[in-house]
mmCIF file of all heavy atoms, coordinates in Angstrom:
data_MODEL
# 
_entry.id   MODEL 
# 
loop_
_atom_site.group_PDB 
_atom_site.id 
_atom_site.type_symbol 
_atom_site.label_atom_id 
_atom_site.label_alt_id 
_atom_site.label_comp_id 
_atom_site.label_asym_id 
_atom_site.label_entity_id 
_atom_site.label_seq_id 
_atom_site.pdbx_PDB_ins_code 
_atom_site.Cartn_x 
_atom_site.Cartn_y 
_atom_site.Cartn_z 
_atom_site.occupancy 
_atom_site.B_iso_or_equiv 
_atom_site.pdbx_formal_charge 
_atom_site.auth_seq_id 
_atom_site.auth_comp_id 
_atom_site.auth_asym_id 
_atom_site.auth_atom_id 
_atom_site.pdbx_PDB_model_num 
ATOM 1   N N   . GLY A 1 1  ? 8.968  -14.081 22.186 1.00 0.00 ? 1  GLY A N   1 
ATOM 2   C CA  . GLY A 1 1  ? 7.586  -14.241 21.737 1.00 0.00 ? 1  GLY A CA  1 
ATOM 3   C C   . GLY A 1 1  ? 7.518  -14.809 20.332 1.00 0.00 ? 1  GLY A C   1 
ATOM 4   O O   . GLY A 1 1  ? 6.670  -15.657 20.025 1.00 0.00 ? 1  GLY A O   1 
ATOM 5   N N   . TRP A 1 2  ? 8.427  -14.358 19.473 1.00 0.00 ? 2  TRP A N   1 
ATOM 6   C CA  . TRP A 1 2  ? 8.475  -14.886 18.099 1.00 0.00 ? 2  TRP A CA  1 
ATOM 7   C C   . TRP A 1 2  ? 8.827  -16.366 18.095 1.00 0.00 ? 2  TRP A C   1 
ATOM 8   O O   . TRP A 1 2  ? 8.225  -17.163 17.360 1.00 0.00 ? 2  TRP A O   1 
ATOM 9   C CB  . TRP A 1 2  ? 9.509  -14.095 17.292 1.00 0.00 ? 2  TRP A CB  1 
ATOM 10  C CG  . TRP A 1 2  ? 9.633  -14.541 15.878 1.00 0.00 ? 2  TRP A CG  1 
ATOM 11  C CD1 . TRP A 1 2  ? 8.827  -14.214 14.835 1.00 0.00 ? 2  TRP A CD1 1 
ATOM 12  C CD2 . TRP A 1 2  ? 10.634 -15.432 15.350 1.00 0.00 ? 2  TRP A CD2 1 
ATOM 13  N NE1 . TRP A 1 2  ? 9.258  -14.834 13.673 1.00 0.00 ? 2  TRP A NE1 1 
ATOM 14  C CE2 . TRP A 1 2  ? 10.360 -15.588 13.967 1.00 0.00 ? 2  TRP A CE2 1 
ATOM 15  C CE3 . TRP A 1 2  ? 11.715 -16.107 15.908 1.00 0.00 ? 2  TRP A CE3 1 
ATOM 16  C CZ2 . TRP A 1 2  ? 11.145 -16.385 13.144 1.00 0.00 ? 2  TRP A CZ2 1 
ATOM 17  C CZ3 . TRP A 1 2  ? 12.501 -16.902 15.088 1.00 0.00 ? 2  TRP A CZ3 1 
ATOM 18  C CH2 . TRP A 1 2  ? 12.217 -17.038 13.727 1.00 0.00 ? 2  TRP A CH2 1 
ATOM 19  N N   . ILE A 1 3  ? 9.784  -16.767 18.926 1.00 0.00 ? 3  ILE A N   1 
ATOM 20  C CA  . ILE A 1 3  ? 10.166 -18.182 19.011 1.00 0.00 ? 3  ILE A CA  1 
ATOM 21  C C   . ILE A 1 3  ? 8.965  -19.032 19.415 1.00 0.00 ? 3  ILE A C   1 
ATOM 22  O O   . ILE A 1 3  ? 8.708  -20.092 18.829 1.00 0.00 ? 3  ILE A O   1 
ATOM 23  C CB  . ILE A 1 3  ? 11.323 -18.356 20.022 1.00 0.00 ? 3  ILE A CB  1 
ATOM 24  C CG1 . ILE A 1 3  ? 12.615 -17.780 19.446 1.00 0.00 ? 3  ILE A CG1 1 
ATOM 25  C CG2 . ILE A 1 3  ? 11.513 -19.815 20.400 1.00 0.00 ? 3  ILE A CG2 1 
ATOM 26  C CD1 . ILE A 1 3  ? 13.755 -17.715 20.444 1.00 0.00 ? 3  ILE A CD1 1 
ATOM 27  N N   . VAL A 1 4  ? 8.217  -18.582 20.395 1.00 0.00 ? 4  VAL A N   1 
ATOM 28  C CA  . VAL A 1 4  ? 7.044  -19.333 20.870 1.00 0.00 ? 4  VAL A CA  1 
ATOM 29  C C   . VAL A 1 4  ? 6.002  -19.452 19.761 1.00 0.00 ? 4  VAL A C   1 
ATOM 30  O O   . VAL A 1 4  ? 5.423  -20.525 19.538 1.00 0.00 ? 4  VAL A O   1 
ATOM 31  C CB  . VAL A 1 4  ? 6.441  -18.674 22.123 1.00 0.00 ? 4  VAL A CB  1 
ATOM 32  C CG1 . VAL A 1 4  ? 5.112  -19.323 22.491 1.00 0.00 ? 4  VAL A CG1 1 
ATOM 33  C CG2 . VAL A 1 4  ? 7.423  -18.756 23.292 1.00 0.00 ? 4  VAL A CG2 1 
ATOM 34  N N   . LEU A 1 5  ? 5.757  -18.364 19.039 1.00 0.00 ? 5  LEU A N   1 
ATOM 35  C CA  . LEU A 1 5  ? 4.766  -18.389 17.962 1.00 0.00 ? 5  LEU A CA  1 
ATOM 36  C C   . LEU A 1 5  ? 5.182  -19.348 16.843 1.00 0.00 ? 5  LEU A C   1 
ATOM 37  O O   . LEU A 1 5  ? 4.347  -20.101 16.310 1.00 0.00 ? 5  LEU A O   1 
ATOM 38  C CB  . LEU A 1 5  ? 4.565  -16.981 17.406 1.00 0.00 ? 5  LEU A CB  1 
ATOM 39  C CG  . LEU A 1 5  ? 3.856  -15.984 18.330 1.00 0.00 ? 5  LEU A CG  1 
ATOM 40  C CD1 . LEU A 1 5  ? 3.907  -14.583 17.732 1.00 0.00 ? 5  LEU A CD1 1 
ATOM 41  C CD2 . LEU A 1 5  ? 2.414  -16.403 18.582 1.00 0.00 ? 5  LEU A CD2 1 
ATOM 42  N N   . VAL A 1 6  ? 6.449  -19.331 16.475 1.00 0.00 ? 6  VAL A N   1 
ATOM 43  C CA  . VAL A 1 6  ? 6.927  -20.233 15.424 1.00 0.00 ? 6  VAL A CA  1 
ATOM 44  C C   . VAL A 1 6  ? 6.830  -21.687 15.886 1.00 0.00 ? 6  VAL A C   1 
ATOM 45  O O   . VAL A 1 6  ? 6.425  -22.574 15.122 1.00 0.00 ? 6  VAL A O   1 
ATOM 46  C CB  . VAL A 1 6  ? 8.374  -19.879 15.022 1.00 0.00 ? 6  VAL A CB  1 
ATOM 47  C CG1 . VAL A 1 6  ? 8.948  -20.920 14.072 1.00 0.00 ? 6  VAL A CG1 1 
ATOM 48  C CG2 . VAL A 1 6  ? 8.414  -18.511 14.367 1.00 0.00 ? 6  VAL A CG2 1 
ATOM 49  N N   . LEU A 1 7  ? 7.175  -21.926 17.139 1.00 0.00 ? 7  LEU A N   1 
ATOM 50  C CA  . LEU A 1 7  ? 7.073  -23.280 17.684 1.00 0.00 ? 7  LEU A CA  1 
ATOM 51  C C   . LEU A 1 7  ? 5.624  -23.765 17.657 1.00 0.00 ? 7  LEU A C   1 
ATOM 52  O O   . LEU A 1 7  ? 5.346  -24.914 17.277 1.00 0.00 ? 7  LEU A O   1 
ATOM 53  C CB  . LEU A 1 7  ? 7.617  -23.311 19.107 1.00 0.00 ? 7  LEU A CB  1 
ATOM 54  C CG  . LEU A 1 7  ? 7.583  -24.669 19.821 1.00 0.00 ? 7  LEU A CG  1 
ATOM 55  C CD1 . LEU A 1 7  ? 8.424  -25.687 19.076 1.00 0.00 ? 7  LEU A CD1 1 
ATOM 56  C CD2 . LEU A 1 7  ? 8.069  -24.523 21.261 1.00 0.00 ? 7  LEU A CD2 1 
ATOM 57  N N   . LEU A 1 8  ? 4.692  -22.911 18.039 1.00 0.00 ? 8  LEU A N   1 
ATOM 58  C CA  . LEU A 1 8  ? 3.278  -23.286 18.013 1.00 0.00 ? 8  LEU A CA  1 
ATOM 59  C C   . LEU A 1 8  ? 2.805  -23.531 16.581 1.00 0.00 ? 8  LEU A C   1 
ATOM 60  O O   . LEU A 1 8  ? 2.021  -24.456 16.325 1.00 0.00 ? 8  LEU A O   1 
ATOM 61  C CB  . LEU A 1 8  ? 2.431  -22.177 18.656 1.00 0.00 ? 8  LEU A CB  1 
ATOM 62  C CG  . LEU A 1 8  ? 2.591  -22.002 20.171 1.00 0.00 ? 8  LEU A CG  1 
ATOM 63  C CD1 . LEU A 1 8  ? 1.812  -20.783 20.651 1.00 0.00 ? 8  LEU A CD1 1 
ATOM 64  C CD2 . LEU A 1 8  ? 2.160  -23.257 20.920 1.00 0.00 ? 8  LEU A CD2 1 
ATOM 65  N N   . PHE A 1 9  ? 3.282  -22.724 15.647 1.00 0.00 ? 9  PHE A N   1 
ATOM 66  C CA  . PHE A 1 9  ? 2.895  -22.879 14.242 1.00 0.00 ? 9  PHE A CA  1 
ATOM 67  C C   . PHE A 1 9  ? 3.289  -24.256 13.719 1.00 0.00 ? 9  PHE A C   1 
ATOM 68  O O   . PHE A 1 9  ? 2.483  -24.975 13.121 1.00 0.00 ? 9  PHE A O   1 
ATOM 69  C CB  . PHE A 1 9  ? 3.547  -21.781 13.402 1.00 0.00 ? 9  PHE A CB  1 
ATOM 70  C CG  . PHE A 1 9  ? 3.307  -21.921 11.923 1.00 0.00 ? 9  PHE A CG  1 
ATOM 71  C CD1 . PHE A 1 9  ? 2.150  -21.453 11.340 1.00 0.00 ? 9  PHE A CD1 1 
ATOM 72  C CD2 . PHE A 1 9  ? 4.262  -22.540 11.108 1.00 0.00 ? 9  PHE A CD2 1 
ATOM 73  C CE1 . PHE A 1 9  ? 1.928  -21.594 9.971  1.00 0.00 ? 9  PHE A CE1 1 
ATOM 74  C CE2 . PHE A 1 9  ? 4.053  -22.680 9.744  1.00 0.00 ? 9  PHE A CE2 1 
ATOM 75  C CZ  . PHE A 1 9  ? 2.879  -22.210 9.177  1.00 0.00 ? 9  PHE A CZ  1 
ATOM 76  N N   . PHE A 1 10 ? 4.534  -24.648 13.927 1.00 0.00 ? 10 PHE A N   1 
ATOM 77  C CA  . PHE A 1 10 ? 4.989  -25.937 13.408 1.00 0.00 ? 10 PHE A CA  1 
ATOM 78  C C   . PHE A 1 10 ? 4.418  -27.104 14.205 1.00 0.00 ? 10 PHE A C   1 
ATOM 79  O O   . PHE A 1 10 ? 4.199  -28.186 13.652 1.00 0.00 ? 10 PHE A O   1 
ATOM 80  C CB  . PHE A 1 10 ? 6.518  -25.990 13.399 1.00 0.00 ? 10 PHE A CB  1 
ATOM 81  C CG  . PHE A 1 10 ? 7.139  -25.206 12.275 1.00 0.00 ? 10 PHE A CG  1 
ATOM 82  C CD1 . PHE A 1 10 ? 8.016  -24.163 12.528 1.00 0.00 ? 10 PHE A CD1 1 
ATOM 83  C CD2 . PHE A 1 10 ? 6.838  -25.523 10.964 1.00 0.00 ? 10 PHE A CD2 1 
ATOM 84  C CE1 . PHE A 1 10 ? 8.583  -23.443 11.483 1.00 0.00 ? 10 PHE A CE1 1 
ATOM 85  C CE2 . PHE A 1 10 ? 7.410  -24.812 9.908  1.00 0.00 ? 10 PHE A CE2 1 
ATOM 86  C CZ  . PHE A 1 10 ? 8.280  -23.771 10.173 1.00 0.00 ? 10 PHE A CZ  1 
ATOM 87  N N   . SER A 1 11 ? 4.166  -26.904 15.491 1.00 0.00 ? 11 SER A N   1 
ATOM 88  C CA  . SER A 1 11 ? 3.598  -27.978 16.303 1.00 0.00 ? 11 SER A CA  1 
ATOM 89  C C   . SER A 1 11 ? 2.158  -28.274 15.917 1.00 0.00 ? 11 SER A C   1 
ATOM 90  O O   . SER A 1 11 ? 1.669  -29.386 16.136 1.00 0.00 ? 11 SER A O   1 
ATOM 91  C CB  . SER A 1 11 ? 3.673  -27.615 17.788 1.00 0.00 ? 11 SER A CB  1 
ATOM 92  O OG  . SER A 1 11 ? 5.013  -27.477 18.216 1.00 0.00 ? 11 SER A OG  1 
ATOM 93  N N   . ALA A 1 12 ? 1.466  -27.295 15.341 1.00 0.00 ? 12 ALA A N   1 
ATOM 94  C CA  . ALA A 1 12 ? 0.056  -27.479 14.988 1.00 0.00 ? 12 ALA A CA  1 
ATOM 95  C C   . ALA A 1 12 ? -0.132 -28.390 13.788 1.00 0.00 ? 12 ALA A C   1 
ATOM 96  O O   . ALA A 1 12 ? -1.210 -28.955 13.592 1.00 0.00 ? 12 ALA A O   1 
ATOM 97  C CB  . ALA A 1 12 ? -0.587 -26.124 14.713 1.00 0.00 ? 12 ALA A CB  1 
ATOM 98  N N   . SER A 1 13 ? 0.911  -28.551 12.967 1.00 0.00 ? 13 SER A N   1 
ATOM 99  C CA  . SER A 1 13 ? 0.816  -29.429 11.801 1.00 0.00 ? 13 SER A CA  1 
ATOM 100 C C   . SER A 1 13 ? 1.220  -30.843 12.191 1.00 0.00 ? 13 SER A C   1 
ATOM 101 O O   . SER A 1 13 ? 2.137  -31.055 12.988 1.00 0.00 ? 13 SER A O   1 
ATOM 102 C CB  . SER A 1 13 ? 1.722  -28.922 10.682 1.00 0.00 ? 13 SER A CB  1 
ATOM 103 O OG  . SER A 1 13 ? 1.746  -29.829 9.596  1.00 0.00 ? 13 SER A OG  1 
ATOM 104 N N   . ALA A 1 14 ? 0.538  -31.826 11.602 1.00 0.00 ? 14 ALA A N   1 
ATOM 105 C CA  . ALA A 1 14 ? 0.875  -33.227 11.894 1.00 0.00 ? 14 ALA A CA  1 
ATOM 106 C C   . ALA A 1 14 ? 2.242  -33.601 11.330 1.00 0.00 ? 14 ALA A C   1 
ATOM 107 O O   . ALA A 1 14 ? 2.956  -34.425 11.902 1.00 0.00 ? 14 ALA A O   1 
ATOM 108 C CB  . ALA A 1 14 ? -0.201 -34.153 11.329 1.00 0.00 ? 14 ALA A CB  1 
ATOM 109 N N   . GLY A 1 15 ? 2.636  -33.009 10.202 1.00 0.00 ? 15 GLY A N   1 
ATOM 110 C CA  . GLY A 1 15 ? 3.921  -33.297 9.585  1.00 0.00 ? 15 GLY A CA  1 
ATOM 111 C C   . GLY A 1 15 ? 5.025  -32.474 10.228 1.00 0.00 ? 15 GLY A C   1 
ATOM 112 O O   . GLY A 1 15 ? 4.954  -31.244 10.255 1.00 0.00 ? 15 GLY A O   1 
ATOM 113 N N   . LYS A 1 16 ? 6.035  -33.147 10.755 1.00 0.00 ? 16 LYS A N   1 
ATOM 114 C CA  . LYS A 1 16 ? 7.104  -32.446 11.472 1.00 0.00 ? 16 LYS A CA  1 
ATOM 115 C C   . LYS A 1 16 ? 8.449  -33.059 11.116 1.00 0.00 ? 16 LYS A C   1 
ATOM 116 O O   . LYS A 1 16 ? 8.586  -34.271 11.001 1.00 0.00 ? 16 LYS A O   1 
ATOM 117 C CB  . LYS A 1 16 ? 6.894  -32.544 12.989 1.00 0.00 ? 16 LYS A CB  1 
ATOM 118 C CG  . LYS A 1 16 ? 5.604  -31.918 13.495 1.00 0.00 ? 16 LYS A CG  1 
ATOM 119 C CD  . LYS A 1 16 ? 5.449  -32.121 14.989 1.00 0.00 ? 16 LYS A CD  1 
ATOM 120 C CE  . LYS A 1 16 ? 4.177  -31.483 15.510 1.00 0.00 ? 16 LYS A CE  1 
ATOM 121 N NZ  . LYS A 1 16 ? 2.979  -32.182 15.014 1.00 0.00 ? 16 LYS A NZ  1 
ATOM 122 N N   . ARG A 1 17 ? 9.446  -32.189 10.946 1.00 0.00 ? 17 ARG A N   1 
ATOM 123 C CA  . ARG A 1 17 ? 10.836 -32.609 10.792 1.00 0.00 ? 17 ARG A CA  1 
ATOM 124 C C   . ARG A 1 17 ? 11.695 -31.718 11.673 1.00 0.00 ? 17 ARG A C   1 
ATOM 125 O O   . ARG A 1 17 ? 11.356 -30.551 11.919 1.00 0.00 ? 17 ARG A O   1 
ATOM 126 C CB  . ARG A 1 17 ? 11.294 -32.507 9.333  1.00 0.00 ? 17 ARG A CB  1 
ATOM 127 C CG  . ARG A 1 17 ? 10.616 -33.473 8.379  1.00 0.00 ? 17 ARG A CG  1 
ATOM 128 C CD  . ARG A 1 17 ? 11.189 -33.325 6.979  1.00 0.00 ? 17 ARG A CD  1 
ATOM 129 N NE  . ARG A 1 17 ? 12.603 -33.678 6.946  1.00 0.00 ? 17 ARG A NE  1 
ATOM 130 C CZ  . ARG A 1 17 ? 13.436 -33.316 5.965  1.00 0.00 ? 17 ARG A CZ  1 
ATOM 131 N NH1 . ARG A 1 17 ? 12.981 -32.580 4.955  1.00 0.00 ? 17 ARG A NH1 1 
ATOM 132 N NH2 . ARG A 1 17 ? 14.693 -33.682 5.985  1.00 0.00 ? 17 ARG A NH2 1 
ATOM 133 N N   . ASP A 1 18 ? 12.819 -32.256 12.135 1.00 0.00 ? 18 ASP A N   1 
ATOM 134 C CA  . ASP A 1 18 ? 13.643 -31.502 13.071 1.00 0.00 ? 18 ASP A CA  1 
ATOM 135 C C   . ASP A 1 18 ? 14.120 -30.171 12.494 1.00 0.00 ? 18 ASP A C   1 
ATOM 136 O O   . ASP A 1 18 ? 14.249 -29.186 13.220 1.00 0.00 ? 18 ASP A O   1 
ATOM 137 C CB  . ASP A 1 18 ? 14.830 -32.345 13.542 1.00 0.00 ? 18 ASP A CB  1 
ATOM 138 C CG  . ASP A 1 18 ? 15.680 -32.865 12.384 1.00 0.00 ? 18 ASP A CG  1 
ATOM 139 O OD1 . ASP A 1 18 ? 15.261 -32.728 11.218 1.00 0.00 ? 18 ASP A OD1 1 
ATOM 140 O OD2 . ASP A 1 18 ? 16.770 -33.413 12.650 1.00 0.00 ? 18 ASP A OD2 1 
ATOM 141 N N   . VAL A 1 19 ? 14.352 -30.121 11.170 1.00 0.00 ? 19 VAL A N   1 
ATOM 142 C CA  . VAL A 1 19 ? 14.903 -28.902 10.574 1.00 0.00 ? 19 VAL A CA  1 
ATOM 143 C C   . VAL A 1 19 ? 13.872 -27.778 10.472 1.00 0.00 ? 19 VAL A C   1 
ATOM 144 O O   . VAL A 1 19 ? 14.246 -26.621 10.259 1.00 0.00 ? 19 VAL A O   1 
ATOM 145 C CB  . VAL A 1 19 ? 15.484 -29.176 9.174  1.00 0.00 ? 19 VAL A CB  1 
ATOM 146 C CG1 . VAL A 1 19 ? 16.673 -30.102 9.256  1.00 0.00 ? 19 VAL A CG1 1 
ATOM 147 C CG2 . VAL A 1 19 ? 14.432 -29.735 8.240  1.00 0.00 ? 19 VAL A CG2 1 
ATOM 148 N N   . TYR A 1 20 ? 12.589 -28.095 10.620 1.00 0.00 ? 20 TYR A N   1 
ATOM 149 C CA  . TYR A 1 20 ? 11.578 -27.049 10.466 1.00 0.00 ? 20 TYR A CA  1 
ATOM 150 C C   . TYR A 1 20 ? 11.782 -25.906 11.460 1.00 0.00 ? 20 TYR A C   1 
ATOM 151 O O   . TYR A 1 20 ? 11.517 -24.743 11.141 1.00 0.00 ? 20 TYR A O   1 
ATOM 152 C CB  . TYR A 1 20 ? 10.172 -27.628 10.636 1.00 0.00 ? 20 TYR A CB  1 
ATOM 153 C CG  . TYR A 1 20 ? 9.702  -28.515 9.497  1.00 0.00 ? 20 TYR A CG  1 
ATOM 154 C CD1 . TYR A 1 20 ? 8.485  -29.205 9.584  1.00 0.00 ? 20 TYR A CD1 1 
ATOM 155 C CD2 . TYR A 1 20 ? 10.456 -28.689 8.348  1.00 0.00 ? 20 TYR A CD2 1 
ATOM 156 C CE1 . TYR A 1 20 ? 8.047  -30.024 8.550  1.00 0.00 ? 20 TYR A CE1 1 
ATOM 157 C CE2 . TYR A 1 20 ? 10.027 -29.505 7.315  1.00 0.00 ? 20 TYR A CE2 1 
ATOM 158 C CZ  . TYR A 1 20 ? 8.813  -30.167 7.421  1.00 0.00 ? 20 TYR A CZ  1 
ATOM 159 O OH  . TYR A 1 20 ? 8.378  -30.981 6.405  1.00 0.00 ? 20 TYR A OH  1 
ATOM 160 N N   . ILE A 1 21 ? 12.211 -26.231 12.684 1.00 0.00 ? 21 ILE A N   1 
ATOM 161 C CA  . ILE A 1 21 ? 12.331 -25.191 13.716 1.00 0.00 ? 21 ILE A CA  1 
ATOM 162 C C   . ILE A 1 21 ? 13.716 -24.562 13.743 1.00 0.00 ? 21 ILE A C   1 
ATOM 163 O O   . ILE A 1 21 ? 13.988 -23.721 14.606 1.00 0.00 ? 21 ILE A O   1 
ATOM 164 C CB  . ILE A 1 21 ? 11.975 -25.737 15.110 1.00 0.00 ? 21 ILE A CB  1 
ATOM 165 C CG1 . ILE A 1 21 ? 12.908 -26.895 15.496 1.00 0.00 ? 21 ILE A CG1 1 
ATOM 166 C CG2 . ILE A 1 21 ? 10.510 -26.180 15.156 1.00 0.00 ? 21 ILE A CG2 1 
ATOM 167 C CD1 . ILE A 1 21 ? 12.779 -27.310 16.957 1.00 0.00 ? 21 ILE A CD1 1 
ATOM 168 N N   . LEU A 1 22 ? 14.580 -24.939 12.812 1.00 0.00 ? 22 LEU A N   1 
ATOM 169 C CA  . LEU A 1 22 ? 15.932 -24.368 12.805 1.00 0.00 ? 22 LEU A CA  1 
ATOM 170 C C   . LEU A 1 22 ? 15.943 -22.841 12.710 1.00 0.00 ? 22 LEU A C   1 
ATOM 171 O O   . LEU A 1 22 ? 16.821 -22.205 13.314 1.00 0.00 ? 22 LEU A O   1 
ATOM 172 C CB  . LEU A 1 22 ? 16.746 -24.980 11.660 1.00 0.00 ? 22 LEU A CB  1 
ATOM 173 C CG  . LEU A 1 22 ? 18.242 -24.663 11.652 1.00 0.00 ? 22 LEU A CG  1 
ATOM 174 C CD1 . LEU A 1 22 ? 18.925 -25.167 12.914 1.00 0.00 ? 22 LEU A CD1 1 
ATOM 175 C CD2 . LEU A 1 22 ? 18.914 -25.267 10.414 1.00 0.00 ? 22 LEU A CD2 1 
ATOM 176 N N   . PRO A 1 23 ? 15.013 -22.184 11.991 1.00 0.00 ? 23 PRO A N   1 
ATOM 177 C CA  . PRO A 1 23 ? 15.033 -20.712 11.965 1.00 0.00 ? 23 PRO A CA  1 
ATOM 178 C C   . PRO A 1 23 ? 14.883 -20.062 13.337 1.00 0.00 ? 23 PRO A C   1 
ATOM 179 O O   . PRO A 1 23 ? 15.220 -18.876 13.502 1.00 0.00 ? 23 PRO A O   1 
ATOM 180 C CB  . PRO A 1 23 ? 13.840 -20.365 11.070 1.00 0.00 ? 23 PRO A CB  1 
ATOM 181 C CG  . PRO A 1 23 ? 13.682 -21.544 10.164 1.00 0.00 ? 23 PRO A CG  1 
ATOM 182 C CD  . PRO A 1 23 ? 14.024 -22.722 11.031 1.00 0.00 ? 23 PRO A CD  1 
ATOM 183 N N   . MET A 1 24 ? 14.389 -20.798 14.343 1.00 0.00 ? 24 MET A N   1 
ATOM 184 C CA  . MET A 1 24 ? 14.264 -20.243 15.689 1.00 0.00 ? 24 MET A CA  1 
ATOM 185 C C   . MET A 1 24 ? 15.618 -20.065 16.362 1.00 0.00 ? 24 MET A C   1 
ATOM 186 O O   . MET A 1 24 ? 15.771 -19.219 17.247 1.00 0.00 ? 24 MET A O   1 
ATOM 187 C CB  . MET A 1 24 ? 13.396 -21.174 16.555 1.00 0.00 ? 24 MET A CB  1 
ATOM 188 C CG  . MET A 1 24 ? 11.951 -21.282 16.127 1.00 0.00 ? 24 MET A CG  1 
ATOM 189 S SD  . MET A 1 24 ? 11.092 -22.727 16.849 1.00 0.00 ? 24 MET A SD  1 
ATOM 190 C CE  . MET A 1 24 ? 11.721 -22.753 18.518 1.00 0.00 ? 24 MET A CE  1 
# 
């Protein structure tokens, strides 16, 4: 559930980099 929430959080922003989701 935490992974999904973090993914949704970063996906909601227009600015994205591959390293942003590394904490997942």
